[in-house]
Amino acid sequence: MSARKYLRIIEKLHPYQTIMYLGMFGSGLIFLFLALAFFFTHNPALIHLNEIRMPYAFLISSIVMVGSGFYVGRLIPLFEQEKFWEVRKMLSITLMLGLLFIVLQVIGWIELGDMGLHFTGIPYSSFLYVLTGIHIFHLLGALIYGLMITFYFNKIKNDTVKVFLVMINPFEKMKLSLFTLYWYFMDGIWLVLFILFFLSFN
C-alpha cells in the first residue's frame, strides 16, 4: 500500500481514533524496549539461589485481566442491541476488575519486596517494577476514560430521550469501541509481560 493510501485512511479517521492508534503504537514501542532490557538483564542464577518465585498476586491479576476482557467484549454487541442498562453493567464490571487488577499488582510488589527484589538494586528487578508500573499507569488512563463514560451514562439514565439518542449516536459507539480496543491492548500487553516474567522466574 502506498504512502498516499495510508494518508487517505488516516484522514478518514476521527481525531480520537488517530490519537488512540498513535498512542498505542508509541506505548507498544516503550514496552518492547523495556521488555528487551528486562530480558537481557535477567540472571537465572540469582533467581534460583535466592528461591525467588512468581508472585501469586501476579497470577491472580492475570486471571482478573482475562476475565475483564470478556466483559469489555460485551460492550459493543449490547450497544448495537440498544441495551443501555446492560452496557452500563458491563462497563462497571470492567472498571471494577481493572481496579482489582491494580490492587493485586501492588500486592505483587509487596511479595517481590518480601523475597528481596526491590526497585533499587539490580537492573533486573528495576526493569520488572518499571514494566509493571508503566502498565498500571496506562491502565489508569483507560479507567479514567471509562469512568467519564460511566458518569455520563449515570447522568442520563433517567432521561429516556437522552438514552435513546445516545444509543443511536455513532460517536458514542466509537467512544466505546476505542475503550474496548485500548482495554484489549492493555490486556494483551499484560499477558505478554506475564509470560516473560513467568519464564524469567523458572
C-alpha atoms as a PDB file:
ATOM      1  CA  MET A   1       0.000   0.000   0.000  1.00  0.00           C
ATOM      2  CA  SER A   2       1.390   3.402  -0.995  1.00  0.00           C
ATOM      3  CA  ALA A   3       2.003   6.255   1.423  1.00  0.00           C
ATOM      4  CA  ARG A   4      -0.805   8.227  -0.233  1.00  0.00           C
ATOM      5  CA  LYS A   5      -3.324   5.483   0.543  1.00  0.00           C
ATOM      6  CA  TYR A   6      -2.159   5.426   4.184  1.00  0.00           C
ATOM      7  CA  LEU A   7      -2.658   9.188   4.351  1.00  0.00           C
ATOM      8  CA  ARG A   8      -6.184   8.844   2.942  1.00  0.00           C
ATOM      9  CA  ILE A   9      -7.028   6.251   5.582  1.00  0.00           C
ATOM     10  CA  ILE A  10      -5.665   8.493   8.346  1.00  0.00           C
ATOM     11  CA  GLU A  11      -7.623  11.469   7.003  1.00  0.00           C
ATOM     12  CA  LYS A  12     -10.866   9.494   7.347  1.00  0.00           C
ATOM     13  CA  LEU A  13     -10.203   8.693  10.991  1.00  0.00           C
ATOM     14  CA  HIS A  14     -11.769  10.684  13.791  1.00  0.00           C
ATOM     15  CA  PRO A  15      -9.147  12.651  15.779  1.00  0.00           C
ATOM     16  CA  TYR A  16      -9.875  10.427  18.800  1.00  0.00           C
ATOM     17  CA  GLN A  17      -9.063   7.359  16.719  1.00  0.00           C
ATOM     18  CA  THR A  18      -5.847   8.892  15.379  1.00  0.00           C
ATOM     19  CA  ILE A  19      -4.677   9.811  18.876  1.00  0.00           C
ATOM     20  CA  MET A  20      -5.556   6.350  20.186  1.00  0.00           C
ATOM     21  CA  TYR A  21      -3.730   4.471  17.422  1.00  0.00           C
ATOM     22  CA  LEU A  22      -0.638   6.660  17.668  1.00  0.00           C
ATOM     23  CA  GLY A  23      -0.663   6.317  21.446  1.00  0.00           C
ATOM     24  CA  MET A  24      -0.908   2.535  21.234  1.00  0.00           C
ATOM     25  CA  PHE A  25       1.956   2.438  18.734  1.00  0.00           C
ATOM     26  CA  GLY A  26       4.158   4.582  20.966  1.00  0.00           C
ATOM     27  CA  SER A  27       3.259   2.612  24.067  1.00  0.00           C
ATOM     28  CA  GLY A  28       3.963  -0.645  22.274  1.00  0.00           C
ATOM     29  CA  LEU A  29       7.471   0.549  21.448  1.00  0.00           C
ATOM     30  CA  ILE A  30       8.088   1.576  25.059  1.00  0.00           C
ATOM     31  CA  PHE A  31       7.006  -1.831  26.349  1.00  0.00           C
ATOM     32  CA  LEU A  32       9.085  -3.570  23.688  1.00  0.00           C
ATOM     33  CA  PHE A  33      12.308  -1.766  24.601  1.00  0.00           C
ATOM     34  CA  LEU A  34      11.762  -2.197  28.337  1.00  0.00           C
ATOM     35  CA  ALA A  35      10.938  -5.890  27.886  1.00  0.00           C
ATOM     36  CA  LEU A  36      14.158  -6.370  25.936  1.00  0.00           C
ATOM     37  CA  ALA A  37      16.109  -4.584  28.664  1.00  0.00           C
ATOM     38  CA  PHE A  38      14.439  -6.810  31.260  1.00  0.00           C
ATOM     39  CA  PHE A  39      15.290  -9.923  29.247  1.00  0.00           C
ATOM     40  CA  PHE A  40      18.959  -9.032  28.794  1.00  0.00           C
ATOM     41  CA  THR A  41      19.443  -8.202  32.491  1.00  0.00           C
ATOM     42  CA  HIS A  42      17.900 -11.495  33.591  1.00  0.00           C
ATOM     43  CA  ASN A  43      20.177 -13.549  35.859  1.00  0.00           C
ATOM     44  CA  PRO A  44      18.869 -17.134  36.335  1.00  0.00           C
ATOM     45  CA  ALA A  45      21.472 -17.910  38.991  1.00  0.00           C
ATOM     46  CA  LEU A  46      20.263 -15.043  41.162  1.00  0.00           C
ATOM     47  CA  ILE A  47      16.644 -16.174  40.901  1.00  0.00           C
ATOM     48  CA  HIS A  48      17.337 -19.816  41.739  1.00  0.00           C
ATOM     49  CA  LEU A  49      19.877 -19.200  44.522  1.00  0.00           C
ATOM     50  CA  ASN A  50      17.521 -16.850  46.349  1.00  0.00           C
ATOM     51  CA  GLU A  51      14.445 -19.026  45.651  1.00  0.00           C
ATOM     52  CA  ILE A  52      12.584 -16.118  44.082  1.00  0.00           C
ATOM     53  CA  ARG A  53       9.277 -17.119  42.510  1.00  0.00           C
ATOM     54  CA  MET A  54       6.496 -15.539  40.530  1.00  0.00           C
ATOM     55  CA  PRO A  55       4.252 -13.551  42.928  1.00  0.00           C
ATOM     56  CA  TYR A  56       0.897 -15.253  43.435  1.00  0.00           C
ATOM     57  CA  ALA A  57      -0.773 -11.862  43.066  1.00  0.00           C
ATOM     58  CA  PHE A  58       0.560 -11.594  39.503  1.00  0.00           C
ATOM     59  CA  LEU A  59      -1.056 -14.919  38.631  1.00  0.00           C
ATOM     60  CA  ILE A  60      -4.396 -13.906  40.139  1.00  0.00           C
ATOM     61  CA  SER A  61      -4.230 -10.490  38.462  1.00  0.00           C
ATOM     62  CA  SER A  62      -3.719 -12.222  35.106  1.00  0.00           C
ATOM     63  CA  ILE A  63      -6.924 -14.198  35.621  1.00  0.00           C
ATOM     64  CA  VAL A  64      -8.709 -10.965  36.565  1.00  0.00           C
ATOM     65  CA  MET A  65      -7.408  -9.209  33.453  1.00  0.00           C
ATOM     66  CA  VAL A  66      -8.501 -12.027  31.164  1.00  0.00           C
ATOM     67  CA  GLY A  67     -11.903 -12.013  32.853  1.00  0.00           C
ATOM     68  CA  SER A  68     -12.245  -8.285  32.268  1.00  0.00           C
ATOM     69  CA  GLY A  69     -11.694  -8.951  28.567  1.00  0.00           C
ATOM     70  CA  PHE A  70     -14.910 -10.976  28.491  1.00  0.00           C
ATOM     71  CA  TYR A  71     -16.973  -8.141  29.948  1.00  0.00           C
ATOM     72  CA  VAL A  72     -15.431  -5.398  27.841  1.00  0.00           C
ATOM     73  CA  GLY A  73     -16.077  -7.557  24.782  1.00  0.00           C
ATOM     74  CA  ARG A  74     -19.810  -7.425  25.513  1.00  0.00           C
ATOM     75  CA  LEU A  75     -20.000  -3.619  25.320  1.00  0.00           C
ATOM     76  CA  ILE A  76     -20.361  -3.127  21.560  1.00  0.00           C
ATOM     77  CA  PRO A  77     -22.763  -6.069  20.917  1.00  0.00           C
ATOM     78  CA  LEU A  78     -25.016  -4.822  23.724  1.00  0.00           C
ATOM     79  CA  PHE A  79     -24.751  -1.232  22.491  1.00  0.00           C
ATOM     80  CA  GLU A  80     -25.775  -2.330  18.995  1.00  0.00           C
ATOM     81  CA  GLN A  81     -28.783  -4.062  20.559  1.00  0.00           C
ATOM     82  CA  GLU A  82     -29.596  -0.757  22.329  1.00  0.00           C
ATOM     83  CA  LYS A  83     -29.439  -2.421  25.757  1.00  0.00           C
ATOM     84  CA  PHE A  84     -28.393   0.655  27.700  1.00  0.00           C
ATOM     85  CA  TRP A  85     -28.627  -0.833  31.198  1.00  0.00           C
ATOM     86  CA  GLU A  86     -26.620  -3.901  30.238  1.00  0.00           C
ATOM     87  CA  VAL A  87     -23.939  -1.689  28.683  1.00  0.00           C
ATOM     88  CA  ARG A  88     -23.682   0.250  31.942  1.00  0.00           C
ATOM     89  CA  LYS A  89     -23.434  -3.006  33.882  1.00  0.00           C
ATOM     90  CA  MET A  90     -20.683  -4.484  31.683  1.00  0.00           C
ATOM     91  CA  LEU A  91     -18.751  -1.211  31.782  1.00  0.00           C
ATOM     92  CA  SER A  92     -18.994  -1.016  35.575  1.00  0.00           C
ATOM     93  CA  ILE A  93     -17.812  -4.616  35.987  1.00  0.00           C
ATOM     94  CA  THR A  94     -14.887  -3.977  33.631  1.00  0.00           C
ATOM     95  CA  LEU A  95     -13.813  -0.924  35.624  1.00  0.00           C
ATOM     96  CA  MET A  96     -14.083  -2.776  38.949  1.00  0.00           C
ATOM     97  CA  LEU A  97     -11.958  -5.614  37.599  1.00  0.00           C
ATOM     98  CA  GLY A  98      -9.432  -3.051  36.392  1.00  0.00           C
ATOM     99  CA  LEU A  99      -9.202  -1.560  39.890  1.00  0.00           C
ATOM    100  CA  LEU A 100      -8.866  -5.047  41.373  1.00  0.00           C
ATOM    101  CA  PHE A 101      -6.028  -5.744  38.926  1.00  0.00           C
ATOM    102  CA  ILE A 102      -4.149  -2.657  40.133  1.00  0.00           C
ATOM    103  CA  VAL A 103      -4.618  -3.657  43.790  1.00  0.00           C
ATOM    104  CA  LEU A 104      -3.265  -7.127  43.009  1.00  0.00           C
ATOM    105  CA  GLN A 105      -0.271  -5.605  41.226  1.00  0.00           C
ATOM    106  CA  VAL A 106       0.593  -3.608  44.334  1.00  0.00           C
ATOM    107  CA  ILE A 107       0.272  -6.784  46.420  1.00  0.00           C
ATOM    108  CA  GLY A 108       2.599  -8.438  43.891  1.00  0.00           C
ATOM    109  CA  TRP A 109       5.154  -5.687  44.511  1.00  0.00           C
ATOM    110  CA  ILE A 110       4.926  -6.380  48.234  1.00  0.00           C
ATOM    111  CA  GLU A 111       5.529 -10.081  47.568  1.00  0.00           C
ATOM    112  CA  LEU A 112       8.582  -9.221  45.474  1.00  0.00           C
ATOM    113  CA  GLY A 113       9.919  -6.997  48.240  1.00  0.00           C
ATOM    114  CA  ASP A 114       9.484  -9.768  50.802  1.00  0.00           C
ATOM    115  CA  MET A 115      11.542 -12.044  48.532  1.00  0.00           C
ATOM    116  CA  GLY A 116      14.333  -9.478  48.318  1.00  0.00           C
ATOM    117  CA  LEU A 117      13.594  -7.974  44.904  1.00  0.00           C
ATOM    118  CA  HIS A 118      13.317  -4.198  45.316  1.00  0.00           C
ATOM    119  CA  PHE A 119      13.034  -1.340  42.852  1.00  0.00           C
ATOM    120  CA  THR A 120      16.564  -0.183  43.601  1.00  0.00           C
ATOM    121  CA  GLY A 121      19.421  -2.635  43.308  1.00  0.00           C
ATOM    122  CA  ILE A 122      19.945  -4.959  40.377  1.00  0.00           C
ATOM    123  CA  PRO A 123      18.748  -3.793  36.906  1.00  0.00           C
ATOM    124  CA  TYR A 124      16.592  -6.943  36.555  1.00  0.00           C
ATOM    125  CA  SER A 125      14.312  -6.021  39.457  1.00  0.00           C
ATOM    126  CA  SER A 126      14.274  -2.349  38.469  1.00  0.00           C
ATOM    127  CA  PHE A 127      13.004  -3.149  34.973  1.00  0.00           C
ATOM    128  CA  LEU A 128      10.418  -5.533  36.448  1.00  0.00           C
ATOM    129  CA  TYR A 129       8.966  -2.761  38.608  1.00  0.00           C
ATOM    130  CA  VAL A 130       9.156  -0.240  35.768  1.00  0.00           C
ATOM    131  CA  LEU A 131       7.324  -2.550  33.347  1.00  0.00           C
ATOM    132  CA  THR A 132       4.507  -3.313  35.779  1.00  0.00           C
ATOM    133  CA  GLY A 133       4.346   0.319  36.903  1.00  0.00           C
ATOM    134  CA  ILE A 134       4.057   1.685  33.366  1.00  0.00           C
ATOM    135  CA  HIS A 135       1.374  -0.886  32.614  1.00  0.00           C
ATOM    136  CA  ILE A 136      -0.597   0.315  35.656  1.00  0.00           C
ATOM    137  CA  PHE A 137      -0.136   3.923  34.502  1.00  0.00           C
ATOM    138  CA  HIS A 138      -1.559   3.093  31.072  1.00  0.00           C
ATOM    139  CA  LEU A 139      -4.413   1.123  32.603  1.00  0.00           C
ATOM    140  CA  LEU A 140      -5.269   4.088  34.823  1.00  0.00           C
ATOM    141  CA  GLY A 141      -5.747   6.110  31.646  1.00  0.00           C
ATOM    142  CA  ALA A 142      -8.272   3.556  30.409  1.00  0.00           C
ATOM    143  CA  LEU A 143     -10.018   3.566  33.796  1.00  0.00           C
ATOM    144  CA  ILE A 144     -10.339   7.353  33.786  1.00  0.00           C
ATOM    145  CA  TYR A 145     -11.730   7.292  30.252  1.00  0.00           C
ATOM    146  CA  GLY A 146     -14.171   4.529  31.218  1.00  0.00           C
ATOM    147  CA  LEU A 147     -15.237   6.446  34.335  1.00  0.00           C
ATOM    148  CA  MET A 148     -16.003   9.515  32.227  1.00  0.00           C
ATOM    149  CA  ILE A 149     -18.302   7.426  30.039  1.00  0.00           C
ATOM    150  CA  THR A 150     -19.879   5.829  33.125  1.00  0.00           C
ATOM    151  CA  PHE A 151     -20.556   9.181  34.797  1.00  0.00           C
ATOM    152  CA  TYR A 152     -22.226  10.444  31.639  1.00  0.00           C
ATOM    153  CA  PHE A 153     -24.361   7.318  31.358  1.00  0.00           C
ATOM    154  CA  ASN A 154     -25.374   7.636  35.011  1.00  0.00           C
ATOM    155  CA  LYS A 155     -26.271  11.278  34.441  1.00  0.00           C
ATOM    156  CA  ILE A 156     -28.735  10.500  31.644  1.00  0.00           C
ATOM    157  CA  LYS A 157     -30.009   7.106  32.834  1.00  0.00           C
ATOM    158  CA  ASN A 158     -33.398   8.501  33.916  1.00  0.00           C
ATOM    159  CA  ASP A 159     -33.944  10.520  30.744  1.00  0.00           C
ATOM    160  CA  THR A 160     -35.455   8.189  28.150  1.00  0.00           C
ATOM    161  CA  VAL A 161     -34.951  10.607  25.266  1.00  0.00           C
ATOM    162  CA  LYS A 162     -31.249  11.167  26.014  1.00  0.00           C
ATOM    163  CA  VAL A 163     -30.693   7.446  26.448  1.00  0.00           C
ATOM    164  CA  PHE A 164     -32.305   6.806  23.076  1.00  0.00           C
ATOM    165  CA  LEU A 165     -30.164   9.486  21.409  1.00  0.00           C
ATOM    166  CA  VAL A 166     -27.010   8.021  22.933  1.00  0.00           C
ATOM    167  CA  MET A 167     -27.810   4.522  21.737  1.00  0.00           C
ATOM    168  CA  ILE A 168     -28.250   5.647  18.114  1.00  0.00           C
ATOM    169  CA  ASN A 169     -25.273   8.013  18.150  1.00  0.00           C
ATOM    170  CA  PRO A 170     -22.283   6.693  16.120  1.00  0.00           C
ATOM    171  CA  PHE A 171     -19.951   8.943  18.127  1.00  0.00           C
ATOM    172  CA  GLU A 172     -20.922   7.246  21.398  1.00  0.00           C
ATOM    173  CA  LYS A 173     -20.385   3.852  19.776  1.00  0.00           C
ATOM    174  CA  MET A 174     -16.957   4.991  18.586  1.00  0.00           C
ATOM    175  CA  LYS A 175     -16.001   6.047  22.123  1.00  0.00           C
ATOM    176  CA  LEU A 176     -16.955   2.640  23.474  1.00  0.00           C
ATOM    177  CA  SER A 177     -15.114   0.942  20.597  1.00  0.00           C
ATOM    178  CA  LEU A 178     -11.945   2.875  21.408  1.00  0.00           C
ATOM    179  CA  PHE A 179     -12.280   1.976  25.075  1.00  0.00           C
ATOM    180  CA  THR A 180     -12.726  -1.689  24.148  1.00  0.00           C
ATOM    181  CA  LEU A 181      -9.756  -1.659  21.773  1.00  0.00           C
ATOM    182  CA  TYR A 182      -7.463   0.008  24.302  1.00  0.00           C
ATOM    183  CA  TRP A 183      -8.565  -2.376  27.039  1.00  0.00           C
ATOM    184  CA  TYR A 184      -7.751  -5.351  24.828  1.00  0.00           C
ATOM    185  CA  PHE A 185      -4.406  -3.734  24.098  1.00  0.00           C
ATOM    186  CA  MET A 186      -3.646  -3.441  27.811  1.00  0.00           C
ATOM    187  CA  ASP A 187      -4.883  -6.999  28.316  1.00  0.00           C
ATOM    188  CA  GLY A 188      -2.567  -8.286  25.605  1.00  0.00           C
ATOM    189  CA  ILE A 189       0.417  -6.295  26.899  1.00  0.00           C
ATOM    190  CA  TRP A 190      -0.024  -7.744  30.376  1.00  0.00           C
ATOM    191  CA  LEU A 191      -0.308 -11.325  29.123  1.00  0.00           C
ATOM    192  CA  VAL A 192       2.955 -10.907  27.188  1.00  0.00           C
ATOM    193  CA  LEU A 193       4.631  -9.435  30.274  1.00  0.00           C
ATOM    194  CA  PHE A 194       3.254 -12.207  32.463  1.00  0.00           C
ATOM    195  CA  ILE A 195       4.665 -14.875  30.158  1.00  0.00           C
ATOM    196  CA  LEU A 196       8.012 -13.059  30.137  1.00  0.00           C
ATOM    197  CA  PHE A 197       8.005 -12.843  33.945  1.00  0.00           C
ATOM    198  CA  PHE A 198       6.951 -16.463  34.306  1.00  0.00           C
ATOM    199  CA  LEU A 199       9.808 -17.657  32.089  1.00  0.00           C
ATOM    200  CA  SER A 200      12.305 -15.494  33.940  1.00  0.00           C
ATOM    201  CA  PHE A 201      11.298 -16.940  37.330  1.00  0.00           C
ATOM    202  CA  ASN A 202      11.677 -20.540  36.116  1.00  0.00           C
END
